[in-house]
C-alpha atoms as a PDB file:
ATOM      1  CA  MET A   1       1.126  -5.717 -10.674  1.00  0.00           C
ATOM      2  CA  ALA A   2       4.064  -7.172 -12.303  1.00  0.00           C
ATOM      3  CA  ALA A   3       4.888  -4.313 -13.581  1.00  0.00           C
ATOM      4  CA  LEU A   4       5.348  -2.247 -10.149  1.00  0.00           C
ATOM      5  CA  ALA A   5       7.224  -5.569  -9.934  1.00  0.00           C
ATOM      6  CA  ALA A   6       9.309  -4.362 -12.177  1.00  0.00           C
ATOM      7  CA  ASP A   7       9.821  -1.462 -11.892  1.00  0.00           C
ATOM      8  CA  GLU A   8      10.998  -2.193  -8.228  1.00  0.00           C
ATOM      9  CA  GLN A   9      13.010  -4.825  -9.499  1.00  0.00           C
ATOM     10  CA  GLN A  10      15.412  -2.059 -10.978  1.00  0.00           C
ATOM     11  CA  CYS A  11      15.274   0.153  -8.149  1.00  0.00           C
ATOM     12  CA  CYS A  12      16.327  -2.359  -5.568  1.00  0.00           C
ATOM     13  CA  PRO A  13      17.279  -5.608  -7.810  1.00  0.00           C
ATOM     14  CA  PHE A  14      18.253  -6.893  -3.763  1.00  0.00           C
ATOM     15  CA  PHE A  15      13.669  -7.953  -3.944  1.00  0.00           C
ATOM     16  CA  ASP A  16      12.350 -11.333  -5.167  1.00  0.00           C
ATOM     17  CA  PHE A  17       9.021 -10.311  -6.408  1.00  0.00           C
ATOM     18  CA  ARG A  18       7.001 -12.916  -7.151  1.00  0.00           C
ATOM     19  CA  LEU A  19       2.919 -13.333  -8.545  1.00  0.00           C
ATOM     20  CA  HIS A  20       1.041 -15.562  -7.912  1.00  0.00           C
ATOM     21  CA  LEU A  21      -2.433 -17.226  -9.555  1.00  0.00           C
ATOM     22  CA  ASP A  22      -4.121 -19.590  -7.599  1.00  0.00           C
ATOM     23  CA  GLY A  23      -8.121 -18.718  -9.585  1.00  0.00           C
ATOM     24  CA  GLN A  24      -8.828 -15.476  -9.249  1.00  0.00           C
ATOM     25  CA  GLU A  25      -6.534 -14.162  -6.406  1.00  0.00           C
ATOM     26  CA  LEU A  26      -3.281 -12.877  -7.514  1.00  0.00           C
ATOM     27  CA  HIS A  27      -0.932 -13.382  -5.336  1.00  0.00           C
ATOM     28  CA  LEU A  28       2.078 -10.445  -4.761  1.00  0.00           C
ATOM     29  CA  GLU A  29       5.187 -12.725  -2.885  1.00  0.00           C
ATOM     30  CA  VAL A  30       8.264 -10.037  -1.774  1.00  0.00           C
ATOM     31  CA  ARG A  31      11.290 -11.177  -0.002  1.00  0.00           C
ATOM     32  CA  ALA A  32      14.259  -9.045   0.839  1.00  0.00           C
ATOM     33  CA  PRO A  33      17.575 -10.891   2.615  1.00  0.00           C
ATOM     34  CA  ALA A  34      18.220 -10.320   5.987  1.00  0.00           C
ATOM     35  CA  ASP A  35      18.920  -6.945   6.206  1.00  0.00           C
ATOM     36  CA  GLY A  36      16.349  -5.386   4.279  1.00  0.00           C
ATOM     37  CA  THR A  37      13.820  -6.591   5.679  1.00  0.00           C
ATOM     38  CA  GLY A  38      13.487  -3.129   7.939  1.00  0.00           C
ATOM     39  CA  LEU A  39      12.330  -1.977   4.202  1.00  0.00           C
ATOM     40  CA  LEU A  40       9.844  -4.427   3.346  1.00  0.00           C
ATOM     41  CA  THR A  41       8.471  -2.911   6.557  1.00  0.00           C
ATOM     42  CA  ASP A  42       8.489   0.286   5.732  1.00  0.00           C
ATOM     43  CA  LEU A  43       7.486  -0.199   2.227  1.00  0.00           C
ATOM     44  CA  PHE A  44       4.873  -3.349   2.609  1.00  0.00           C
ATOM     45  CA  GLY A  45       3.547  -3.230   6.729  1.00  0.00           C
ATOM     46  CA  PRO A  46       4.472  -5.827   8.849  1.00  0.00           C
ATOM     47  CA  ALA A  47       5.019  -9.768   7.080  1.00  0.00           C
ATOM     48  CA  ALA A  48       1.874 -11.928   6.766  1.00  0.00           C
END
């Protein structure tokens, strides 16, 4: 997961990737500026 985030960060530096470990669960949070919201939706689906 960290390698994916690092690779994407090199490609699209406007993305903000955060990994959160909560017990046995790993959460990936991805943020982008307002004008990048459509790209996030295309890549990952609608926001949860």
